[in-house]
Protein backbone atom coordinates (compact mmCIF):
# COMPACT_ATOMS: atom_id res chain seq x y z
CA UNK A 1 -90.24 90.15 135.27
CA UNK A 2 -90.75 88.52 131.80
CA UNK A 3 -87.75 86.26 130.23
CA UNK A 4 -86.44 87.13 127.05
CA UNK A 5 -88.78 85.34 123.86
CA UNK A 6 -86.68 83.23 122.73
CA UNK A 7 -85.72 81.45 126.24
CA UNK A 8 -89.55 81.18 126.57
CA UNK A 9 -89.90 79.82 122.99
CA UNK A 10 -87.44 77.29 123.85
CA UNK A 11 -88.38 76.67 127.61
CA UNK A 12 -91.77 75.84 126.48
CA UNK A 13 -90.68 73.73 123.40
CA UNK A 14 -92.91 75.39 121.15
CA UNK A 15 -91.51 75.52 118.02
CA UNK A 16 -90.62 71.66 117.85
CA UNK A 17 -94.21 70.91 118.96
CA UNK A 18 -95.53 73.33 115.91
CA UNK A 19 -92.77 71.28 113.62
CA UNK A 20 -95.21 69.71 111.26
CA UNK A 21 -97.22 73.23 110.62
CA UNK A 22 -93.39 74.83 109.81
CA UNK A 23 -93.65 77.64 112.06
CA UNK A 24 -91.66 81.19 112.06
CA UNK A 25 -91.87 83.36 114.64
CA UNK A 26 -92.12 86.86 113.68
CA UNK A 27 -93.53 89.54 115.04
CA UNK A 28 -91.83 92.49 117.23
CA UNK A 29 -89.88 90.73 120.20
CA UNK A 30 -87.19 89.08 117.25
CA UNK A 31 -87.04 93.01 115.72
CA UNK A 32 -85.89 94.49 118.98
CA UNK A 33 -88.79 96.87 118.35
CA UNK A 34 -91.46 95.03 120.77
CA UNK A 35 -93.17 97.73 123.56
CA UNK A 36 -94.89 96.53 126.93
CA UNK A 37 -97.30 94.09 126.46
CA UNK A 38 -95.92 92.32 123.43
CA UNK A 39 -96.86 89.45 122.40
CA UNK A 40 -94.55 86.45 120.81
CA UNK A 41 -96.81 85.78 117.50
CA UNK A 42 -96.00 82.28 115.23
CA UNK A 43 -96.70 81.68 111.84
CA UNK A 44 -97.44 78.50 110.61
CA UNK A 45 -98.84 76.36 107.61
CA UNK A 46 -101.22 73.27 106.90
CA UNK A 47 -103.75 72.34 104.65
CA UNK A 48 -105.60 70.50 107.35
CA UNK A 49 -106.77 73.42 109.64
CA UNK A 50 -108.90 71.29 111.78
CA UNK A 51 -105.60 68.72 112.48
CA UNK A 52 -103.98 72.17 113.22
CA UNK A 53 -106.64 72.83 116.11
CA UNK A 54 -106.83 69.79 117.22
CA UNK A 55 -102.66 69.48 117.89
CA UNK A 56 -102.83 73.50 119.78
CA UNK A 57 -105.57 72.11 121.68
CA UNK A 58 -103.73 68.85 122.68
CA UNK A 59 -100.33 70.67 123.04
CA UNK A 60 -101.23 73.94 124.05
CA UNK A 61 -105.08 74.22 126.61
CA UNK A 62 -102.89 73.67 129.52
CA UNK A 63 -102.05 77.26 129.57
CA UNK A 64 -103.64 80.30 131.05
CA UNK A 65 -106.17 82.23 128.91
CA UNK A 66 -106.13 79.19 126.02
CA UNK A 67 -108.65 79.99 123.07
CA UNK A 68 -108.73 78.95 119.47
CA UNK A 69 -110.90 80.44 116.57
CA UNK A 70 -111.41 80.65 113.01
CA UNK A 71 -110.27 83.77 111.22
CA UNK A 72 -110.07 85.16 107.69
CA UNK A 73 -106.79 86.51 106.44
CA UNK A 74 -105.54 87.29 102.44
CA UNK A 75 -108.93 86.06 101.78
CA UNK A 76 -107.94 82.47 103.36
CA UNK A 77 -109.02 80.59 106.47
CA UNK A 78 -107.38 80.87 109.11
CA UNK A 79 -107.15 79.73 112.68
CA UNK A 80 -105.87 81.59 115.47
CA UNK A 81 -104.34 80.04 118.76
CA UNK A 82 -104.01 82.37 121.96
CA UNK A 83 -102.52 81.15 125.31
CA UNK A 84 -100.42 83.09 128.09
CA UNK A 85 -97.31 81.66 130.07
CA UNK A 86 -94.27 82.89 131.81
CA UNK A 87 -95.93 86.18 131.47
CA UNK A 88 -95.85 86.54 127.72
CA UNK A 89 -99.36 86.25 125.24
CA UNK A 90 -98.32 83.62 122.70
CA UNK A 91 -100.20 83.88 119.26
CA UNK A 92 -100.03 81.17 116.74
CA UNK A 93 -101.29 81.86 113.21
CA UNK A 94 -101.93 79.31 110.67
CA UNK A 95 -102.85 78.73 107.31
CA UNK A 96 -102.99 76.35 104.13
CA UNK A 97 -100.97 79.07 102.64
CA UNK A 98 -97.22 78.36 102.63
CA UNK A 99 -95.22 80.43 105.85
CA UNK A 100 -92.83 82.45 103.72
CA UNK A 101 -96.06 83.55 101.60
CA UNK A 102 -98.28 84.84 104.72
CA UNK A 103 -98.29 88.41 105.17
CA UNK A 104 -96.94 88.95 108.70
CA UNK A 105 -93.85 86.54 107.48
CA UNK A 106 -93.60 89.15 104.75
CA UNK A 107 -94.05 92.16 106.41
CA UNK A 108 -91.36 90.57 109.19
CA UNK A 109 -88.73 90.10 106.57
CA UNK A 110 -89.48 93.70 104.65
CA UNK A 111 -89.19 95.26 108.49
CA UNK A 112 -86.21 93.14 109.27
CA UNK A 113 -84.16 94.14 106.53
CA UNK A 114 -85.33 97.87 106.84
CA UNK A 115 -83.98 98.13 110.24
CA UNK A 116 -80.67 96.43 108.80
CA UNK A 117 -79.99 99.11 105.94
CA UNK A 118 -80.98 101.80 108.71
CA UNK A 119 -80.73 100.65 112.38
CA UNK A 120 -81.79 104.20 113.53
CA UNK A 121 -84.95 103.72 112.62
CA UNK A 122 -85.34 101.35 115.38
CA UNK A 123 -86.05 104.06 117.84
CA UNK A 124 -88.25 105.92 115.87
CA UNK A 125 -90.55 103.05 114.80
CA UNK A 126 -90.22 102.38 118.58
CA UNK A 127 -91.39 106.07 119.43
CA UNK A 128 -94.28 105.31 116.71
CA UNK A 129 -95.38 102.02 118.37
CA UNK A 130 -95.43 103.76 121.96
CA UNK A 131 -97.56 106.31 120.67
CA UNK A 132 -100.37 103.55 119.82
CA UNK A 133 -99.25 102.61 116.02
CA UNK A 134 -99.51 99.39 115.19
CA UNK A 135 -95.83 97.52 113.51
CA UNK A 136 -96.79 98.31 109.70
CA UNK A 137 -98.57 102.00 110.20
CA UNK A 138 -94.86 102.42 112.54
CA UNK A 139 -93.13 101.91 109.73
CA UNK A 140 -95.16 103.87 106.76
CA UNK A 141 -95.11 106.88 108.62
CA UNK A 142 -91.54 106.43 109.65
CA UNK A 143 -90.50 106.49 105.68
CA UNK A 144 -92.78 108.71 104.72
CA UNK A 145 -94.81 105.71 102.59
CA UNK A 146 -98.20 106.72 102.00
CA UNK A 147 -101.71 105.01 101.15
CA UNK A 148 -102.20 101.76 102.88
CA UNK A 149 -99.32 100.84 105.05
CA UNK A 150 -99.53 97.72 104.38
CA UNK A 151 -99.64 97.28 100.60
CA UNK A 152 -96.70 100.33 100.94
CA UNK A 153 -94.65 98.13 103.25
CA UNK A 154 -95.43 94.76 100.54
CA UNK A 155 -94.53 96.99 97.19
CA UNK A 156 -91.06 96.84 99.08
CA UNK A 157 -90.25 93.61 99.01
CA UNK A 158 -88.01 93.67 96.35
CA UNK A 159 -86.05 96.76 96.62
CA UNK A 160 -82.43 95.54 97.05
CA UNK A 161 -80.44 97.00 99.88
CA UNK A 162 -79.29 100.15 97.70
CA UNK A 163 -82.95 100.63 96.78
CA UNK A 164 -83.89 100.94 100.76
CA UNK A 165 -81.10 103.40 101.53
CA UNK A 166 -82.64 105.70 98.49
CA UNK A 167 -85.66 105.39 100.14
CA UNK A 168 -84.54 106.34 103.65
CA UNK A 169 -82.46 109.01 102.31
CA UNK A 170 -84.95 110.80 99.98
CA UNK A 171 -86.61 111.50 103.21
CA UNK A 172 -84.80 113.93 105.69
CA UNK A 173 -87.52 113.54 108.38
CA UNK A 174 -87.86 109.67 108.50
CA UNK A 175 -85.94 110.11 111.99
CA UNK A 176 -87.56 112.82 113.45
CA UNK A 177 -90.97 112.63 115.19
CA UNK A 178 -93.39 112.82 112.58
CA UNK A 179 -96.79 113.61 112.57
CA UNK A 180 -99.46 110.55 112.47
CA UNK A 181 -102.53 111.93 110.27
CA UNK A 182 -102.99 109.35 108.06
CA UNK A 183 -105.86 107.91 108.16
CA UNK A 184 -104.84 104.68 107.15
CA UNK A 185 -103.11 104.41 109.88
CA UNK A 186 -104.98 102.82 112.65
CA UNK A 187 -104.14 102.93 116.19
CA UNK A 188 -104.55 99.54 118.47
């Protein structure tokens, strides 16, 4: 049995250890839409990615499945750190882009707003995620958004409460099971 994700973060003191890197907890557990085996995602930012790697190694290499790798996102160099603790997989993601401007944080904020505007959207997104969809494609399908689901969600970033509510109201089948045949909604 996994402990609640916030207790995990607190117990391990992760946010205190990451304080110099402006950490933001994102992902599905804080949204309440996690399914089996979801991890805890924490976005970080720092100008010196090598220092982030050194500090992360010092702080977290003692945990199971510790791994650190270079990556690219938003056409920017990134570092991904993964490890396991207390039956949770934890992923740290760091770029030199401020955390508030990183796509993962932006998606998280949009999805949080959508769930606040239409709480019953949660059940549909969970059902779609249980079928194998990633989070952003699941939201896009539930909302009837077309095109690239990641870009479609970012297009909602500056919409107000009323505009988001109107979007949902114009999609009469939003809360029903919808086929997910859009090629942009990759499984995995």
